Amino acid sequence: MEILGSLQRFEARLFATVFRQTERRMVIPMARAVSRSGDGYLHVLVPLLVLTLDPESGWQLLPLLVLALAVERSLYWLVKNSLRRPRPQETVPGFRSLITASDQFSFPSGHSSGAFLLATALLIIYGGAAIPMLLWAAGVALSRILLGVHFPGDTLAGAIMGSGIALLAAAQLGV
């Protein structure tokens, strides 16, 4: 139990260090915009764009995303509502997040999970050409910490979950 306590204290310090970056006022609008880009719209727009521009790859990407997102959203909901980890605003005395989260619990980060799922699926289909999407996914995860709605471990767990599910779905589909 001492290990969990030490890990929790480390994560709280890391959260405070990252959140302090919002003292630079230009960081806040950028974090909001990047966070909003992870709301899920790209999960619909990207496959439509790929189907339009590169139909062969699009027909590989579409079933991969459909399967992976169905599994990811189900697992995300189950884990989040089973573990019920409170958000930073609920656990850090005197702390106020910069945005209102869409749900009550913090672990795992759904934005991070979804962003890394999409980025990993594109990496599977397009290889190194999709690396900018991994950078975008990392930005989404960081933005959730900067805005004060997630601890770093929440976003790390979301990233691992999203990427792992995309890899498993690709293996299942033979992509």
C-alpha atoms as a PDB file:
ATOM      1  CA  MET A   1       0.000   0.000   0.000  1.00  0.00           C
ATOM      2  CA  GLU A   2       2.982   2.288   0.591  1.00  0.00           C
ATOM      3  CA  ILE A   3       3.818   2.008  -3.134  1.00  0.00           C
ATOM      4  CA  LEU A   4       0.335   3.192  -4.125  1.00  0.00           C
ATOM      5  CA  GLY A   5       0.580   6.124  -1.724  1.00  0.00           C
ATOM      6  CA  SER A   6       3.979   7.098  -3.124  1.00  0.00           C
ATOM      7  CA  LEU A   7       2.663   6.807  -6.668  1.00  0.00           C
ATOM      8  CA  GLN A   8      -0.347   8.951  -5.833  1.00  0.00           C
ATOM      9  CA  ARG A   9       1.856  11.660  -4.248  1.00  0.00           C
ATOM     10  CA  PHE A  10       4.159  11.629  -7.283  1.00  0.00           C
ATOM     11  CA  GLU A  11       1.199  11.968  -9.621  1.00  0.00           C
ATOM     12  CA  ALA A  12      -0.214  14.881  -7.589  1.00  0.00           C
ATOM     13  CA  ARG A  13       3.144  16.685  -7.805  1.00  0.00           C
ATOM     14  CA  LEU A  14       3.377  16.017 -11.547  1.00  0.00           C
ATOM     15  CA  PHE A  15      -0.189  17.271 -12.016  1.00  0.00           C
ATOM     16  CA  ALA A  16       0.621  20.500 -10.127  1.00  0.00           C
ATOM     17  CA  THR A  17       3.775  21.025 -12.200  1.00  0.00           C
ATOM     18  CA  VAL A  18       1.957  20.560 -15.512  1.00  0.00           C
ATOM     19  CA  PHE A  19      -1.051  22.626 -14.461  1.00  0.00           C
ATOM     20  CA  ARG A  20       1.238  25.546 -13.497  1.00  0.00           C
ATOM     21  CA  GLN A  21       1.990  25.933 -17.199  1.00  0.00           C
ATOM     22  CA  THR A  22      -1.454  27.515 -17.573  1.00  0.00           C
ATOM     23  CA  GLU A  23      -0.043  30.575 -15.799  1.00  0.00           C
ATOM     24  CA  ARG A  24       1.211  31.400 -19.286  1.00  0.00           C
ATOM     25  CA  ARG A  25      -2.088  32.767 -20.556  1.00  0.00           C
ATOM     26  CA  MET A  26      -1.517  31.755 -24.192  1.00  0.00           C
ATOM     27  CA  VAL A  27      -1.481  28.090 -23.134  1.00  0.00           C
ATOM     28  CA  ILE A  28      -5.142  28.092 -22.071  1.00  0.00           C
ATOM     29  CA  PRO A  29      -6.822  28.825 -25.450  1.00  0.00           C
ATOM     30  CA  MET A  30      -4.462  26.413 -27.182  1.00  0.00           C
ATOM     31  CA  ALA A  31      -5.200  23.678 -24.611  1.00  0.00           C
ATOM     32  CA  ARG A  32      -8.948  24.244 -25.010  1.00  0.00           C
ATOM     33  CA  ALA A  33      -8.724  23.992 -28.807  1.00  0.00           C
ATOM     34  CA  VAL A  34      -6.589  20.848 -28.742  1.00  0.00           C
ATOM     35  CA  SER A  35      -8.855  19.281 -26.119  1.00  0.00           C
ATOM     36  CA  ARG A  36     -11.933  20.063 -28.225  1.00  0.00           C
ATOM     37  CA  SER A  37     -10.283  18.420 -31.238  1.00  0.00           C
ATOM     38  CA  GLY A  38     -10.371  15.188 -29.215  1.00  0.00           C
ATOM     39  CA  ASP A  39     -14.149  15.321 -28.681  1.00  0.00           C
ATOM     40  CA  GLY A  40     -14.686  12.551 -31.244  1.00  0.00           C
ATOM     41  CA  TYR A  41     -15.542  14.443 -34.426  1.00  0.00           C
ATOM     42  CA  LEU A  42     -12.299  13.364 -36.076  1.00  0.00           C
ATOM     43  CA  HIS A  43     -13.295   9.724 -35.577  1.00  0.00           C
ATOM     44  CA  VAL A  44     -16.024  10.361 -38.147  1.00  0.00           C
ATOM     45  CA  LEU A  45     -14.336  12.969 -40.357  1.00  0.00           C
ATOM     46  CA  VAL A  46     -10.985  11.190 -40.817  1.00  0.00           C
ATOM     47  CA  PRO A  47     -12.414   7.918 -42.184  1.00  0.00           C
ATOM     48  CA  LEU A  48     -14.725   9.886 -44.497  1.00  0.00           C
ATOM     49  CA  LEU A  49     -11.763  11.895 -45.759  1.00  0.00           C
ATOM     50  CA  VAL A  50      -9.661   8.750 -46.185  1.00  0.00           C
ATOM     51  CA  LEU A  51     -12.510   7.013 -48.041  1.00  0.00           C
ATOM     52  CA  THR A  52     -12.751   9.999 -50.375  1.00  0.00           C
ATOM     53  CA  LEU A  53      -9.025  10.457 -51.019  1.00  0.00           C
ATOM     54  CA  ASP A  54      -7.765   6.869 -50.718  1.00  0.00           C
ATOM     55  CA  PRO A  55     -10.685   4.402 -50.960  1.00  0.00           C
ATOM     56  CA  GLU A  56      -8.503   1.282 -50.716  1.00  0.00           C
ATOM     57  CA  SER A  57      -7.019   2.377 -47.388  1.00  0.00           C
ATOM     58  CA  GLY A  58     -10.362   3.767 -46.310  1.00  0.00           C
ATOM     59  CA  TRP A  59     -11.964   0.333 -46.559  1.00  0.00           C
ATOM     60  CA  GLN A  60      -9.207  -1.006 -44.308  1.00  0.00           C
ATOM     61  CA  LEU A  61      -9.495   1.860 -41.828  1.00  0.00           C
ATOM     62  CA  LEU A  62     -13.288   1.899 -41.514  1.00  0.00           C
ATOM     63  CA  PRO A  63     -13.842  -1.618 -40.087  1.00  0.00           C
ATOM     64  CA  LEU A  64     -10.759  -1.204 -37.906  1.00  0.00           C
ATOM     65  CA  LEU A  65     -12.145   1.985 -36.378  1.00  0.00           C
ATOM     66  CA  VAL A  66     -15.669   0.620 -35.997  1.00  0.00           C
ATOM     67  CA  LEU A  67     -14.488  -2.495 -34.141  1.00  0.00           C
ATOM     68  CA  ALA A  68     -11.866  -0.680 -32.067  1.00  0.00           C
ATOM     69  CA  LEU A  69     -14.209   2.150 -31.064  1.00  0.00           C
ATOM     70  CA  ALA A  70     -16.993  -0.264 -30.105  1.00  0.00           C
ATOM     71  CA  VAL A  71     -14.616  -2.148 -27.813  1.00  0.00           C
ATOM     72  CA  GLU A  72     -12.872   0.982 -26.510  1.00  0.00           C
ATOM     73  CA  ARG A  73     -16.051   2.916 -25.653  1.00  0.00           C
ATOM     74  CA  SER A  74     -17.504  -0.136 -23.858  1.00  0.00           C
ATOM     75  CA  LEU A  75     -14.331  -0.802 -21.876  1.00  0.00           C
ATOM     76  CA  TYR A  76     -13.849   2.908 -21.147  1.00  0.00           C
ATOM     77  CA  TRP A  77     -17.375   3.212 -19.741  1.00  0.00           C
ATOM     78  CA  LEU A  78     -17.027   0.026 -17.692  1.00  0.00           C
ATOM     79  CA  VAL A  79     -13.653   0.983 -16.169  1.00  0.00           C
ATOM     80  CA  LYS A  80     -14.573   4.616 -15.545  1.00  0.00           C
ATOM     81  CA  ASN A  81     -17.826   3.768 -13.813  1.00  0.00           C
ATOM     82  CA  SER A  82     -16.363   0.858 -11.867  1.00  0.00           C
ATOM     83  CA  LEU A  83     -13.275   2.607 -10.488  1.00  0.00           C
ATOM     84  CA  ARG A  84     -15.001   5.997 -10.043  1.00  0.00           C
ATOM     85  CA  ARG A  85     -11.791   7.966  -9.506  1.00  0.00           C
ATOM     86  CA  PRO A  86     -12.664  11.571  -8.641  1.00  0.00           C
ATOM     87  CA  ARG A  87     -11.349  14.358 -10.849  1.00  0.00           C
ATOM     88  CA  PRO A  88      -8.609  16.740  -9.633  1.00  0.00           C
ATOM     89  CA  GLN A  89     -11.155  19.415  -8.752  1.00  0.00           C
ATOM     90  CA  GLU A  90     -12.777  17.002  -6.309  1.00  0.00           C
ATOM     91  CA  THR A  91      -9.557  15.825  -4.650  1.00  0.00           C
ATOM     92  CA  VAL A  92      -7.116  18.748  -4.680  1.00  0.00           C
ATOM     93  CA  PRO A  93      -8.100  21.271  -1.986  1.00  0.00           C
ATOM     94  CA  GLY A  94      -8.831  24.738  -3.379  1.00  0.00           C
ATOM     95  CA  PHE A  95      -8.315  23.642  -6.996  1.00  0.00           C
ATOM     96  CA  ARG A  96     -10.668  24.646  -9.836  1.00  0.00           C
ATOM     97  CA  SER A  97     -10.375  23.149 -13.306  1.00  0.00           C
ATOM     98  CA  LEU A  98     -10.427  25.503 -16.286  1.00  0.00           C
ATOM     99  CA  ILE A  99     -13.278  23.639 -18.001  1.00  0.00           C
ATOM    100  CA  THR A 100     -16.205  21.537 -16.869  1.00  0.00           C
ATOM    101  CA  ALA A 101     -15.693  17.860 -17.648  1.00  0.00           C
ATOM    102  CA  SER A 102     -18.440  16.018 -19.483  1.00  0.00           C
ATOM    103  CA  ASP A 103     -18.709  13.337 -16.799  1.00  0.00           C
ATOM    104  CA  GLN A 104     -17.987  12.866 -13.123  1.00  0.00           C
ATOM    105  CA  PHE A 105     -15.028  10.487 -13.039  1.00  0.00           C
ATOM    106  CA  SER A 106     -11.410  10.833 -14.072  1.00  0.00           C
ATOM    107  CA  PHE A 107      -9.872   7.418 -14.828  1.00  0.00           C
ATOM    108  CA  PRO A 108      -9.203   6.668 -17.642  1.00  0.00           C
ATOM    109  CA  SER A 109      -9.217   9.719 -19.889  1.00  0.00           C
ATOM    110  CA  GLY A 110     -11.686   9.096 -22.702  1.00  0.00           C
ATOM    111  CA  HIS A 111     -10.238  11.911 -24.790  1.00  0.00           C
ATOM    112  CA  SER A 112      -6.772  10.361 -24.535  1.00  0.00           C
ATOM    113  CA  SER A 113      -8.068   6.874 -25.234  1.00  0.00           C
ATOM    114  CA  GLY A 114     -10.022   7.963 -28.303  1.00  0.00           C
ATOM    115  CA  ALA A 115      -7.213  10.123 -29.665  1.00  0.00           C
ATOM    116  CA  PHE A 116      -4.596   7.400 -29.299  1.00  0.00           C
ATOM    117  CA  LEU A 117      -6.975   4.842 -30.793  1.00  0.00           C
ATOM    118  CA  LEU A 118      -7.440   6.987 -33.906  1.00  0.00           C
ATOM    119  CA  ALA A 119      -3.733   7.811 -34.172  1.00  0.00           C
ATOM    120  CA  THR A 120      -2.714   4.163 -33.746  1.00  0.00           C
ATOM    121  CA  ALA A 121      -5.267   2.989 -36.321  1.00  0.00           C
ATOM    122  CA  LEU A 122      -3.868   5.512 -38.807  1.00  0.00           C
ATOM    123  CA  LEU A 123      -0.332   4.421 -37.949  1.00  0.00           C
ATOM    124  CA  ILE A 124      -1.323   0.810 -38.690  1.00  0.00           C
ATOM    125  CA  ILE A 125      -2.742   1.765 -42.093  1.00  0.00           C
ATOM    126  CA  TYR A 126      -0.260   4.487 -43.140  1.00  0.00           C
ATOM    127  CA  GLY A 127       2.888   3.741 -41.144  1.00  0.00           C
ATOM    128  CA  GLY A 128       5.239   6.625 -40.395  1.00  0.00           C
ATOM    129  CA  ALA A 129       3.124   9.101 -42.353  1.00  0.00           C
ATOM    130  CA  ALA A 130       0.684   9.065 -39.410  1.00  0.00           C
ATOM    131  CA  ILE A 131       3.240  10.106 -36.788  1.00  0.00           C
ATOM    132  CA  PRO A 132       1.792  13.660 -36.703  1.00  0.00           C
ATOM    133  CA  MET A 133      -1.438  12.074 -35.466  1.00  0.00           C
ATOM    134  CA  LEU A 134       0.457  10.524 -32.534  1.00  0.00           C
ATOM    135  CA  LEU A 135       1.753  14.000 -31.708  1.00  0.00           C
ATOM    136  CA  TRP A 136      -1.818  15.294 -31.899  1.00  0.00           C
ATOM    137  CA  ALA A 137      -2.986  12.493 -29.565  1.00  0.00           C
ATOM    138  CA  ALA A 138      -0.221  13.364 -27.089  1.00  0.00           C
ATOM    139  CA  GLY A 139      -1.347  16.995 -27.302  1.00  0.00           C
ATOM    140  CA  VAL A 140      -4.933  15.981 -26.517  1.00  0.00           C
ATOM    141  CA  ALA A 141      -3.731  14.031 -23.469  1.00  0.00           C
ATOM    142  CA  LEU A 142      -1.571  16.928 -22.271  1.00  0.00           C
ATOM    143  CA  SER A 143      -4.406  19.410 -22.801  1.00  0.00           C
ATOM    144  CA  ARG A 144      -6.646  17.429 -20.450  1.00  0.00           C
ATOM    145  CA  ILE A 145      -4.053  17.812 -17.678  1.00  0.00           C
ATOM    146  CA  LEU A 146      -3.440  21.478 -18.495  1.00  0.00           C
ATOM    147  CA  LEU A 147      -7.175  22.168 -18.259  1.00  0.00           C
ATOM    148  CA  GLY A 148      -7.292  20.444 -14.875  1.00  0.00           C
ATOM    149  CA  VAL A 149      -9.764  17.663 -15.633  1.00  0.00           C
ATOM    150  CA  HIS A 150      -7.333  14.713 -15.469  1.00  0.00           C
ATOM    151  CA  PHE A 151      -4.332  13.525 -13.546  1.00  0.00           C
ATOM    152  CA  PRO A 152      -1.346  12.378 -15.645  1.00  0.00           C
ATOM    153  CA  GLY A 153      -2.071   8.711 -14.870  1.00  0.00           C
ATOM    154  CA  ASP A 154      -5.580   9.085 -16.301  1.00  0.00           C
ATOM    155  CA  THR A 155      -4.231  10.228 -19.648  1.00  0.00           C
ATOM    156  CA  LEU A 156      -1.460   7.610 -19.665  1.00  0.00           C
ATOM    157  CA  ALA A 157      -4.008   4.866 -18.999  1.00  0.00           C
ATOM    158  CA  GLY A 158      -6.233   6.255 -21.755  1.00  0.00           C
ATOM    159  CA  ALA A 159      -3.330   6.332 -24.208  1.00  0.00           C
ATOM    160  CA  ILE A 160      -2.372   2.744 -23.430  1.00  0.00           C
ATOM    161  CA  MET A 161      -5.976   1.591 -23.612  1.00  0.00           C
ATOM    162  CA  GLY A 162      -6.720   3.312 -26.938  1.00  0.00           C
ATOM    163  CA  SER A 163      -3.507   2.198 -28.632  1.00  0.00           C
ATOM    164  CA  GLY A 164      -3.776  -1.332 -27.275  1.00  0.00           C
ATOM    165  CA  ILE A 165      -7.347  -1.763 -28.450  1.00  0.00           C
ATOM    166  CA  ALA A 166      -6.479  -0.446 -31.927  1.00  0.00           C
ATOM    167  CA  LEU A 167      -3.604  -2.954 -32.137  1.00  0.00           C
ATOM    168  CA  LEU A 168      -5.809  -5.826 -30.935  1.00  0.00           C
ATOM    169  CA  ALA A 169      -8.592  -4.902 -33.371  1.00  0.00           C
ATOM    170  CA  ALA A 170      -6.082  -4.766 -36.248  1.00  0.00           C
ATOM    171  CA  ALA A 171      -4.748  -8.192 -35.291  1.00  0.00           C
ATOM    172  CA  GLN A 172      -8.300  -9.558 -35.077  1.00  0.00           C
ATOM    173  CA  LEU A 173      -9.130  -8.179 -38.531  1.00  0.00           C
ATOM    174  CA  GLY A 174      -5.807  -9.192 -40.043  1.00  0.00           C
ATOM    175  CA  VAL A 175      -4.934  -5.600 -40.969  1.00  0.00           C
END
